[in-house]
Amino acid sequence: MMTISRLKWRLVIIILAGVFLFILYARQHFYNDDLYGANKRGKYAQLNDIKMYYEIYGRGEDVILIHGNSDCIWDMRRQIRFFSRHYRVIAADSRGHGKSELGNGTLTYQQIADDWATLLDQLKIDSAYVIGWSDGGIIGLLLAIHHPEKVKKLAAMGANLQPDTSAVYPWAVSWVKRQTQLVDSMLARNDTSKNWTLLQQHLQLLEKQPDISLTDLHRISSPVLILAGDSDAIREEHTILIYQNIPQAQLCIFPGETHMVPVENPDLFNRTVYNFISRPFQRPQMKDYFD
């Protein structure tokens, strides 16, 4: 009887241990989407003049995800879910977005890039793979230009060097102007239905920034994948111009996709970026076949 009883207890212990390990695994790999951006394990870093909110998922080499204008961690949930299976993912709310503070003065892309570099220092991360979408792609370029030691590789989706119609389609420039006029009118009325002052800061990023030169791109030393949809807000020729002026770059124009491909077709976007990050960088030359 004692032997059977001991076997039963051992079996119970083994089962409970298995359940416990499964729960740990599930918490690591199968987060509910609603937790992204609101995870109890999220933290704040005091850096520069703000508190910056961030969350960490997965294990392995470090990947940082940089969201777009007026977005937050939650908007990168499809990328967090995918890349955290292979890497340690650091996702953060950019300055003046989500749970991160705005700080003083006018919001700039360079401020946000500097914030990311400081966050990596505080987390004792020498360098990371950088994935940026839209404004996040711009910030990724600035990181690679001004903090090159922090960027192993960069995947920049839907980035632009300047905000005018040489880079962005006129309909997109017009939309930004209309939104700016709306926000200005709401502020003039002292409307309190939204945080119009913050929205004004977001819009001035789109209207007046960035200002990245081709010479700046020449300084980028890390491998870069430039991505866009073939029906993007960014002109195709501008995307190609960025690609052509980065020493170690690859180009991906997604067929039948828009600026929103990370949301609308995340499987395609994630797999394309994963292949770029995980494989050795190559840029074969067609002329070599004719030597």
C-alpha atoms as a PDB file:
ATOM      1  CA  MET A   1       0.000   0.000   0.000  1.00  0.00           C
ATOM      2  CA  MET A   2       2.840   2.382   0.888  1.00  0.00           C
ATOM      3  CA  THR A   3       4.516   1.756  -2.480  1.00  0.00           C
ATOM      4  CA  ILE A   4       1.306   2.507  -4.415  1.00  0.00           C
ATOM      5  CA  SER A   5       0.706   5.614  -2.323  1.00  0.00           C
ATOM      6  CA  ARG A   6       4.224   6.858  -2.992  1.00  0.00           C
ATOM      7  CA  LEU A   7       3.829   6.243  -6.711  1.00  0.00           C
ATOM      8  CA  LYS A   8       0.574   8.217  -6.704  1.00  0.00           C
ATOM      9  CA  TRP A   9       2.249  11.152  -4.973  1.00  0.00           C
ATOM     10  CA  ARG A  10       5.161  11.040  -7.367  1.00  0.00           C
ATOM     11  CA  LEU A  11       2.739  11.037 -10.275  1.00  0.00           C
ATOM     12  CA  VAL A  12       0.868  14.024  -8.804  1.00  0.00           C
ATOM     13  CA  ILE A  13       4.140  15.904  -8.323  1.00  0.00           C
ATOM     14  CA  ILE A  14       5.221  15.157 -11.901  1.00  0.00           C
ATOM     15  CA  ILE A  15       1.857  16.351 -13.257  1.00  0.00           C
ATOM     16  CA  LEU A  16       1.933  19.539 -11.183  1.00  0.00           C
ATOM     17  CA  ALA A  17       5.500  20.229 -12.278  1.00  0.00           C
ATOM     18  CA  GLY A  18       4.460  19.754 -15.912  1.00  0.00           C
ATOM     19  CA  VAL A  19       1.523  22.126 -15.500  1.00  0.00           C
ATOM     20  CA  PHE A  20       3.796  24.709 -13.869  1.00  0.00           C
ATOM     21  CA  LEU A  21       6.343  24.492 -16.692  1.00  0.00           C
ATOM     22  CA  PHE A  22       3.596  24.754 -19.295  1.00  0.00           C
ATOM     23  CA  ILE A  23       2.247  27.899 -17.638  1.00  0.00           C
ATOM     24  CA  LEU A  24       5.715  29.437 -17.668  1.00  0.00           C
ATOM     25  CA  TYR A  25       6.132  28.552 -21.332  1.00  0.00           C
ATOM     26  CA  ALA A  26       2.689  29.856 -22.232  1.00  0.00           C
ATOM     27  CA  ARG A  27       3.323  33.136 -20.431  1.00  0.00           C
ATOM     28  CA  GLN A  28       6.542  33.485 -22.414  1.00  0.00           C
ATOM     29  CA  HIS A  29       5.160  32.639 -25.843  1.00  0.00           C
ATOM     30  CA  PHE A  30       1.381  33.050 -25.965  1.00  0.00           C
ATOM     31  CA  TYR A  31       0.546  36.449 -24.530  1.00  0.00           C
ATOM     32  CA  ASN A  32      -2.911  37.803 -25.117  1.00  0.00           C
ATOM     33  CA  ASP A  33      -2.759  40.755 -27.515  1.00  0.00           C
ATOM     34  CA  ASP A  34      -4.466  42.965 -24.941  1.00  0.00           C
ATOM     35  CA  LEU A  35      -1.412  42.708 -22.687  1.00  0.00           C
ATOM     36  CA  TYR A  36       0.943  44.355 -25.161  1.00  0.00           C
ATOM     37  CA  GLY A  37       1.420  47.896 -23.928  1.00  0.00           C
ATOM     38  CA  ALA A  38      -0.330  47.103 -20.645  1.00  0.00           C
ATOM     39  CA  ASN A  39       1.739  44.256 -19.257  1.00  0.00           C
ATOM     40  CA  LYS A  40       2.207  44.201 -15.493  1.00  0.00           C
ATOM     41  CA  ARG A  41       5.880  43.479 -16.110  1.00  0.00           C
ATOM     42  CA  GLY A  42       6.283  46.682 -18.118  1.00  0.00           C
ATOM     43  CA  LYS A  43       8.774  49.187 -16.738  1.00  0.00           C
ATOM     44  CA  TYR A  44       9.711  52.842 -16.913  1.00  0.00           C
ATOM     45  CA  ALA A  45      13.224  54.090 -17.602  1.00  0.00           C
ATOM     46  CA  GLN A  46      14.166  57.555 -16.390  1.00  0.00           C
ATOM     47  CA  LEU A  47      16.223  58.943 -19.245  1.00  0.00           C
ATOM     48  CA  ASN A  48      17.077  62.329 -20.647  1.00  0.00           C
ATOM     49  CA  ASP A  49      14.119  64.456 -19.437  1.00  0.00           C
ATOM     50  CA  ILE A  50      11.338  61.828 -19.520  1.00  0.00           C
ATOM     51  CA  LYS A  51      10.112  58.493 -18.248  1.00  0.00           C
ATOM     52  CA  MET A  52      10.040  56.034 -21.146  1.00  0.00           C
ATOM     53  CA  TYR A  53       7.768  52.998 -20.928  1.00  0.00           C
ATOM     54  CA  TYR A  54       8.975  49.656 -22.292  1.00  0.00           C
ATOM     55  CA  GLU A  55       8.215  45.926 -22.244  1.00  0.00           C
ATOM     56  CA  ILE A  56      10.456  42.922 -22.880  1.00  0.00           C
ATOM     57  CA  TYR A  57       9.441  39.559 -24.355  1.00  0.00           C
ATOM     58  CA  GLY A  58      11.305  36.403 -25.365  1.00  0.00           C
ATOM     59  CA  ARG A  59      14.939  35.365 -25.161  1.00  0.00           C
ATOM     60  CA  GLY A  60      18.037  35.506 -27.314  1.00  0.00           C
ATOM     61  CA  GLU A  61      19.661  38.291 -29.286  1.00  0.00           C
ATOM     62  CA  ASP A  62      18.055  41.691 -28.837  1.00  0.00           C
ATOM     63  CA  VAL A  63      15.515  43.159 -31.255  1.00  0.00           C
ATOM     64  CA  ILE A  64      13.939  46.580 -30.746  1.00  0.00           C
ATOM     65  CA  LEU A  65      10.600  47.532 -32.290  1.00  0.00           C
ATOM     66  CA  ILE A  66       9.896  51.201 -33.030  1.00  0.00           C
ATOM     67  CA  HIS A  67       6.279  52.119 -33.796  1.00  0.00           C
ATOM     68  CA  GLY A  68       4.852  54.855 -36.012  1.00  0.00           C
ATOM     69  CA  ASN A  69       3.305  58.273 -35.491  1.00  0.00           C
ATOM     70  CA  SER A  70       0.541  58.428 -32.850  1.00  0.00           C
ATOM     71  CA  ASP A  71       0.973  54.671 -32.276  1.00  0.00           C
ATOM     72  CA  CYS A  72       2.248  52.719 -29.275  1.00  0.00           C
ATOM     73  CA  ILE A  73       3.518  49.271 -28.265  1.00  0.00           C
ATOM     74  CA  TRP A  74       0.132  47.662 -28.931  1.00  0.00           C
ATOM     75  CA  ASP A  75       0.328  48.599 -32.622  1.00  0.00           C
ATOM     76  CA  MET A  76       3.427  46.393 -32.959  1.00  0.00           C
ATOM     77  CA  ARG A  77       1.735  43.389 -31.333  1.00  0.00           C
ATOM     78  CA  ARG A  78       1.941  41.233 -34.458  1.00  0.00           C
ATOM     79  CA  GLN A  79       5.688  41.810 -34.597  1.00  0.00           C
ATOM     80  CA  ILE A  80       6.131  41.230 -30.844  1.00  0.00           C
ATOM     81  CA  ARG A  81       4.315  37.907 -31.088  1.00  0.00           C
ATOM     82  CA  PHE A  82       6.419  36.705 -34.024  1.00  0.00           C
ATOM     83  CA  PHE A  83       9.895  37.946 -33.148  1.00  0.00           C
ATOM     84  CA  SER A  84       9.698  37.026 -29.440  1.00  0.00           C
ATOM     85  CA  ARG A  85       9.709  33.372 -30.545  1.00  0.00           C
ATOM     86  CA  HIS A  86      13.226  33.871 -31.874  1.00  0.00           C
ATOM     87  CA  TYR A  87      14.720  36.863 -30.052  1.00  0.00           C
ATOM     88  CA  ARG A  88      14.483  39.002 -26.950  1.00  0.00           C
ATOM     89  CA  VAL A  89      12.174  41.823 -28.029  1.00  0.00           C
ATOM     90  CA  ILE A  90      12.264  45.288 -26.478  1.00  0.00           C
ATOM     91  CA  ALA A  91       9.180  47.308 -27.402  1.00  0.00           C
ATOM     92  CA  ALA A  92       8.699  50.846 -26.106  1.00  0.00           C
ATOM     93  CA  ASP A  93       6.349  53.788 -26.374  1.00  0.00           C
ATOM     94  CA  SER A  94       8.246  56.594 -28.061  1.00  0.00           C
ATOM     95  CA  ARG A  95       8.508  59.977 -26.365  1.00  0.00           C
ATOM     96  CA  GLY A  96       5.076  61.641 -26.309  1.00  0.00           C
ATOM     97  CA  HIS A  97       3.325  58.382 -27.241  1.00  0.00           C
ATOM     98  CA  GLY A  98       1.481  55.769 -25.217  1.00  0.00           C
ATOM     99  CA  LYS A  99       2.685  55.772 -21.628  1.00  0.00           C
ATOM    100  CA  SER A 100       5.938  57.634 -22.254  1.00  0.00           C
ATOM    101  CA  GLU A 101       6.223  61.268 -21.248  1.00  0.00           C
ATOM    102  CA  LEU A 102       6.530  64.098 -23.770  1.00  0.00           C
ATOM    103  CA  GLY A 103       9.091  66.200 -21.969  1.00  0.00           C
ATOM    104  CA  ASN A 104       9.732  69.850 -22.725  1.00  0.00           C
ATOM    105  CA  GLY A 105       9.941  71.654 -26.028  1.00  0.00           C
ATOM    106  CA  THR A 106       9.107  70.557 -29.542  1.00  0.00           C
ATOM    107  CA  LEU A 107       9.068  66.825 -30.255  1.00  0.00           C
ATOM    108  CA  THR A 108      11.708  65.680 -32.752  1.00  0.00           C
ATOM    109  CA  TYR A 109      12.697  62.405 -34.354  1.00  0.00           C
ATOM    110  CA  GLN A 110      16.263  62.967 -33.178  1.00  0.00           C
ATOM    111  CA  GLN A 111      15.050  63.200 -29.562  1.00  0.00           C
ATOM    112  CA  ILE A 112      13.321  59.841 -29.923  1.00  0.00           C
ATOM    113  CA  ALA A 113      16.379  58.231 -31.509  1.00  0.00           C
ATOM    114  CA  ASP A 114      18.529  59.541 -28.655  1.00  0.00           C
ATOM    115  CA  ASP A 115      15.982  58.186 -26.149  1.00  0.00           C
ATOM    116  CA  TRP A 116      16.298  54.723 -27.686  1.00  0.00           C
ATOM    117  CA  ALA A 117      20.095  54.860 -27.552  1.00  0.00           C
ATOM    118  CA  THR A 118      19.946  55.839 -23.877  1.00  0.00           C
ATOM    119  CA  LEU A 119      17.418  53.094 -23.121  1.00  0.00           C
ATOM    120  CA  LEU A 120      19.743  50.511 -24.661  1.00  0.00           C
ATOM    121  CA  ASP A 121      22.576  51.848 -22.506  1.00  0.00           C
ATOM    122  CA  GLN A 122      20.446  51.544 -19.372  1.00  0.00           C
ATOM    123  CA  LEU A 123      19.495  47.979 -20.307  1.00  0.00           C
ATOM    124  CA  LYS A 124      23.198  47.251 -20.899  1.00  0.00           C
ATOM    125  CA  ILE A 125      22.575  46.340 -24.538  1.00  0.00           C
ATOM    126  CA  ASP A 126      25.609  47.080 -26.695  1.00  0.00           C
ATOM    127  CA  SER A 127      23.762  46.666 -29.984  1.00  0.00           C
ATOM    128  CA  ALA A 128      20.469  45.314 -31.316  1.00  0.00           C
ATOM    129  CA  TYR A 129      18.550  44.500 -34.442  1.00  0.00           C
ATOM    130  CA  VAL A 130      16.254  47.450 -35.158  1.00  0.00           C
ATOM    131  CA  ILE A 131      12.837  47.186 -36.789  1.00  0.00           C
ATOM    132  CA  GLY A 132      11.057  50.468 -37.436  1.00  0.00           C
ATOM    133  CA  TRP A 133       7.770  51.175 -39.159  1.00  0.00           C
ATOM    134  CA  SER A 134       6.872  54.578 -40.650  1.00  0.00           C
ATOM    135  CA  ASP A 135       8.120  57.158 -38.111  1.00  0.00           C
ATOM    136  CA  GLY A 136       9.875  54.186 -36.536  1.00  0.00           C
ATOM    137  CA  GLY A 137      11.767  53.673 -39.794  1.00  0.00           C
ATOM    138  CA  ILE A 138      12.908  57.300 -39.718  1.00  0.00           C
ATOM    139  CA  ILE A 139      14.014  56.900 -36.100  1.00  0.00           C
ATOM    140  CA  GLY A 140      15.849  53.716 -37.064  1.00  0.00           C
ATOM    141  CA  LEU A 141      17.762  55.591 -39.774  1.00  0.00           C
ATOM    142  CA  LEU A 142      18.709  58.302 -37.255  1.00  0.00           C
ATOM    143  CA  LEU A 143      19.890  55.640 -34.819  1.00  0.00           C
ATOM    144  CA  ALA A 144      22.066  54.105 -37.519  1.00  0.00           C
ATOM    145  CA  ILE A 145      23.458  57.551 -38.455  1.00  0.00           C
ATOM    146  CA  HIS A 146      24.084  59.021 -35.005  1.00  0.00           C
ATOM    147  CA  HIS A 147      24.422  55.909 -32.834  1.00  0.00           C
ATOM    148  CA  PRO A 148      25.937  53.373 -35.264  1.00  0.00           C
ATOM    149  CA  GLU A 149      27.341  51.212 -32.490  1.00  0.00           C
ATOM    150  CA  LYS A 150      23.781  50.423 -31.347  1.00  0.00           C
ATOM    151  CA  VAL A 151      22.552  48.983 -34.654  1.00  0.00           C
ATOM    152  CA  LYS A 152      23.467  45.466 -35.784  1.00  0.00           C
ATOM    153  CA  LYS A 153      21.027  45.577 -38.665  1.00  0.00           C
ATOM    154  CA  LEU A 154      18.124  47.872 -39.490  1.00  0.00           C
ATOM    155  CA  ALA A 155      14.828  47.095 -41.209  1.00  0.00           C
ATOM    156  CA  ALA A 156      13.109  50.398 -42.038  1.00  0.00           C
ATOM    157  CA  MET A 157       9.554  50.205 -43.379  1.00  0.00           C
ATOM    158  CA  GLY A 158       7.946  53.251 -45.022  1.00  0.00           C
ATOM    159  CA  ALA A 159      10.633  55.792 -44.078  1.00  0.00           C
ATOM    160  CA  ASN A 160      11.277  59.162 -45.693  1.00  0.00           C
ATOM    161  CA  LEU A 161      14.102  61.718 -45.591  1.00  0.00           C
ATOM    162  CA  GLN A 162      11.991  64.872 -45.792  1.00  0.00           C
ATOM    163  CA  PRO A 163       8.274  65.674 -45.464  1.00  0.00           C
ATOM    164  CA  ASP A 164       7.572  67.380 -48.814  1.00  0.00           C
ATOM    165  CA  THR A 165       6.086  66.046 -52.035  1.00  0.00           C
ATOM    166  CA  SER A 166       9.495  64.990 -53.348  1.00  0.00           C
ATOM    167  CA  ALA A 167       9.295  62.169 -50.807  1.00  0.00           C
ATOM    168  CA  VAL A 168       5.616  61.818 -49.891  1.00  0.00           C
ATOM    169  CA  TYR A 169       2.628  61.707 -52.229  1.00  0.00           C
ATOM    170  CA  PRO A 170       0.656  64.979 -52.420  1.00  0.00           C
ATOM    171  CA  TRP A 171      -2.509  63.361 -51.035  1.00  0.00           C
ATOM    172  CA  ALA A 172      -0.621  62.425 -47.866  1.00  0.00           C
ATOM    173  CA  VAL A 173       0.855  65.924 -47.489  1.00  0.00           C
ATOM    174  CA  SER A 174      -2.632  67.391 -47.935  1.00  0.00           C
ATOM    175  CA  TRP A 175      -4.052  65.037 -45.297  1.00  0.00           C
ATOM    176  CA  VAL A 176      -1.448  66.205 -42.781  1.00  0.00           C
ATOM    177  CA  LYS A 177      -2.313  69.853 -43.510  1.00  0.00           C
ATOM    178  CA  ARG A 178      -6.041  69.205 -43.045  1.00  0.00           C
ATOM    179  CA  GLN A 179      -5.432  67.404 -39.766  1.00  0.00           C
ATOM    180  CA  THR A 180      -3.191  70.241 -38.587  1.00  0.00           C
ATOM    181  CA  GLN A 181      -5.898  72.784 -39.391  1.00  0.00           C
ATOM    182  CA  LEU A 182      -8.454  70.707 -37.479  1.00  0.00           C
ATOM    183  CA  VAL A 183      -6.214  70.462 -34.416  1.00  0.00           C
ATOM    184  CA  ASP A 184      -5.437  74.184 -34.524  1.00  0.00           C
ATOM    185  CA  SER A 185      -9.153  75.004 -34.673  1.00  0.00           C
ATOM    186  CA  MET A 186      -9.901  72.724 -31.731  1.00  0.00           C
ATOM    187  CA  LEU A 187      -7.161  74.360 -29.680  1.00  0.00           C
ATOM    188  CA  ALA A 188      -8.528  77.793 -30.573  1.00  0.00           C
ATOM    189  CA  ARG A 189     -11.948  76.698 -29.238  1.00  0.00           C
ATOM    190  CA  ASN A 190     -10.374  75.360 -26.023  1.00  0.00           C
ATOM    191  CA  ASP A 191     -11.907  71.976 -26.834  1.00  0.00           C
ATOM    192  CA  THR A 192     -11.073  69.288 -24.270  1.00  0.00           C
ATOM    193  CA  SER A 193     -12.470  66.183 -25.988  1.00  0.00           C
ATOM    194  CA  LYS A 194      -8.932  65.090 -26.937  1.00  0.00           C
ATOM    195  CA  ASN A 195      -5.367  65.984 -26.073  1.00  0.00           C
ATOM    196  CA  TRP A 196      -5.066  68.354 -29.025  1.00  0.00           C
ATOM    197  CA  THR A 197      -1.753  69.774 -27.838  1.00  0.00           C
ATOM    198  CA  LEU A 198      -0.175  66.326 -28.000  1.00  0.00           C
ATOM    199  CA  LEU A 199      -1.739  65.640 -31.409  1.00  0.00           C
ATOM    200  CA  GLN A 200      -0.296  68.947 -32.585  1.00  0.00           C
ATOM    201  CA  GLN A 201       3.159  67.692 -31.597  1.00  0.00           C
ATOM    202  CA  HIS A 202       2.617  64.444 -33.499  1.00  0.00           C
ATOM    203  CA  LEU A 203       1.447  66.257 -36.622  1.00  0.00           C
ATOM    204  CA  GLN A 204       4.339  68.696 -36.694  1.00  0.00           C
ATOM    205  CA  LEU A 205       6.636  65.677 -36.935  1.00  0.00           C
ATOM    206  CA  LEU A 206       4.876  64.695 -40.154  1.00  0.00           C
ATOM    207  CA  GLU A 207       4.598  68.255 -41.479  1.00  0.00           C
ATOM    208  CA  LYS A 208       8.078  69.619 -40.724  1.00  0.00           C
ATOM    209  CA  GLN A 209      10.382  66.650 -40.229  1.00  0.00           C
ATOM    210  CA  PRO A 210      12.655  64.779 -40.867  1.00  0.00           C
ATOM    211  CA  ASP A 211      15.606  66.460 -42.539  1.00  0.00           C
ATOM    212  CA  ILE A 212      18.011  63.664 -43.433  1.00  0.00           C
ATOM    213  CA  SER A 213      20.550  64.237 -46.204  1.00  0.00           C
ATOM    214  CA  LEU A 214      21.993  61.724 -48.628  1.00  0.00           C
ATOM    215  CA  THR A 215      25.359  62.457 -47.030  1.00  0.00           C
ATOM    216  CA  ASP A 216      23.888  61.318 -43.718  1.00  0.00           C
ATOM    217  CA  LEU A 217      22.845  58.023 -45.319  1.00  0.00           C
ATOM    218  CA  HIS A 218      26.390  57.508 -46.601  1.00  0.00           C
ATOM    219  CA  ARG A 219      27.521  57.384 -42.951  1.00  0.00           C
ATOM    220  CA  ILE A 220      25.425  54.301 -42.140  1.00  0.00           C
ATOM    221  CA  SER A 221      27.724  51.338 -41.620  1.00  0.00           C
ATOM    222  CA  SER A 222      25.256  48.626 -40.586  1.00  0.00           C
ATOM    223  CA  PRO A 223      23.335  46.466 -43.077  1.00  0.00           C
ATOM    224  CA  VAL A 224      19.906  47.949 -43.831  1.00  0.00           C
ATOM    225  CA  LEU A 225      16.746  46.581 -45.406  1.00  0.00           C
ATOM    226  CA  ILE A 226      14.577  49.345 -46.891  1.00  0.00           C
ATOM    227  CA  LEU A 227      10.937  48.286 -47.246  1.00  0.00           C
ATOM    228  CA  ALA A 228       7.761  49.821 -48.647  1.00  0.00           C
ATOM    229  CA  GLY A 229       4.503  48.820 -50.253  1.00  0.00           C
ATOM    230  CA  ASP A 230       3.993  49.386 -53.970  1.00  0.00           C
ATOM    231  CA  SER A 231       0.999  51.521 -52.935  1.00  0.00           C
ATOM    232  CA  ASP A 232       2.649  53.377 -50.080  1.00  0.00           C
ATOM    233  CA  ALA A 233       2.396  56.954 -48.802  1.00  0.00           C
ATOM    234  CA  ILE A 234       6.085  57.264 -49.677  1.00  0.00           C
ATOM    235  CA  ARG A 235       6.980  57.675 -53.329  1.00  0.00           C
ATOM    236  CA  GLU A 236       8.602  54.573 -54.802  1.00  0.00           C
ATOM    237  CA  GLU A 237      11.424  56.635 -56.296  1.00  0.00           C
ATOM    238  CA  HIS A 238      12.141  58.110 -52.867  1.00  0.00           C
ATOM    239  CA  THR A 239      12.318  54.664 -51.281  1.00  0.00           C
ATOM    240  CA  ILE A 240      14.743  53.608 -54.023  1.00  0.00           C
ATOM    241  CA  LEU A 241      16.797  56.761 -53.436  1.00  0.00           C
ATOM    242  CA  ILE A 242      17.207  55.842 -49.759  1.00  0.00           C
ATOM    243  CA  TYR A 243      18.254  52.311 -50.711  1.00  0.00           C
ATOM    244  CA  GLN A 244      20.771  53.510 -53.297  1.00  0.00           C
ATOM    245  CA  ASN A 245      22.545  55.828 -50.841  1.00  0.00           C
ATOM    246  CA  ILE A 246      23.153  53.368 -47.989  1.00  0.00           C
ATOM    247  CA  PRO A 247      26.434  51.473 -48.487  1.00  0.00           C
ATOM    248  CA  GLN A 248      25.123  48.078 -47.335  1.00  0.00           C
ATOM    249  CA  ALA A 249      21.446  48.000 -48.235  1.00  0.00           C
ATOM    250  CA  GLN A 250      18.808  45.721 -49.659  1.00  0.00           C
ATOM    251  CA  LEU A 251      15.461  46.797 -51.090  1.00  0.00           C
ATOM    252  CA  CYS A 252      12.011  45.238 -50.740  1.00  0.00           C
ATOM    253  CA  ILE A 253       8.918  46.652 -52.435  1.00  0.00           C
ATOM    254  CA  PHE A 254       5.957  44.511 -51.392  1.00  0.00           C
ATOM    255  CA  PRO A 255       3.638  43.846 -54.365  1.00  0.00           C
ATOM    256  CA  GLY A 256      -0.008  44.661 -53.766  1.00  0.00           C
ATOM    257  CA  GLU A 257       0.680  46.146 -50.334  1.00  0.00           C
ATOM    258  CA  THR A 258       0.406  49.557 -48.687  1.00  0.00           C
ATOM    259  CA  HIS A 259       2.167  51.475 -45.929  1.00  0.00           C
ATOM    260  CA  MET A 260       0.169  49.270 -43.556  1.00  0.00           C
ATOM    261  CA  VAL A 261       1.703  45.922 -44.530  1.00  0.00           C
ATOM    262  CA  PRO A 262       2.952  45.206 -40.954  1.00  0.00           C
ATOM    263  CA  VAL A 263      -0.729  45.158 -39.938  1.00  0.00           C
ATOM    264  CA  GLU A 264      -2.464  44.057 -43.124  1.00  0.00           C
ATOM    265  CA  ASN A 265      -0.046  41.258 -44.036  1.00  0.00           C
ATOM    266  CA  PRO A 266       2.092  40.636 -40.947  1.00  0.00           C
ATOM    267  CA  ASP A 267       3.114  37.125 -42.016  1.00  0.00           C
ATOM    268  CA  LEU A 268       4.739  38.483 -45.178  1.00  0.00           C
ATOM    269  CA  PHE A 269       6.328  41.433 -43.412  1.00  0.00           C
ATOM    270  CA  ASN A 270       7.613  39.471 -40.421  1.00  0.00           C
ATOM    271  CA  ARG A 271       9.049  36.631 -42.482  1.00  0.00           C
ATOM    272  CA  THR A 272      10.798  39.047 -44.863  1.00  0.00           C
ATOM    273  CA  VAL A 273      12.402  40.956 -41.995  1.00  0.00           C
ATOM    274  CA  TYR A 274      13.277  37.735 -40.151  1.00  0.00           C
ATOM    275  CA  ASN A 275      15.101  36.397 -43.218  1.00  0.00           C
ATOM    276  CA  PHE A 276      17.088  39.630 -43.439  1.00  0.00           C
ATOM    277  CA  ILE A 277      18.019  39.622 -39.752  1.00  0.00           C
ATOM    278  CA  SER A 278      18.799  35.923 -39.410  1.00  0.00           C
ATOM    279  CA  ARG A 279      20.898  35.437 -42.551  1.00  0.00           C
ATOM    280  CA  PRO A 280      24.335  36.864 -43.388  1.00  0.00           C
ATOM    281  CA  PHE A 281      24.047  40.098 -45.339  1.00  0.00           C
ATOM    282  CA  GLN A 282      24.578  39.788 -49.082  1.00  0.00           C
ATOM    283  CA  ARG A 283      24.372  42.206 -51.972  1.00  0.00           C
ATOM    284  CA  PRO A 284      25.353  40.252 -55.067  1.00  0.00           C
ATOM    285  CA  GLN A 285      26.154  42.188 -58.232  1.00  0.00           C
ATOM    286  CA  MET A 286      24.625  41.091 -61.529  1.00  0.00           C
ATOM    287  CA  LYS A 287      27.653  42.352 -63.440  1.00  0.00           C
ATOM    288  CA  ASP A 288      29.751  39.633 -61.781  1.00  0.00           C
ATOM    289  CA  TYR A 289      27.941  37.073 -63.914  1.00  0.00           C
ATOM    290  CA  PHE A 290      29.358  38.712 -67.023  1.00  0.00           C
ATOM    291  CA  ASP A 291      33.004  38.913 -65.986  1.00  0.00           C
END
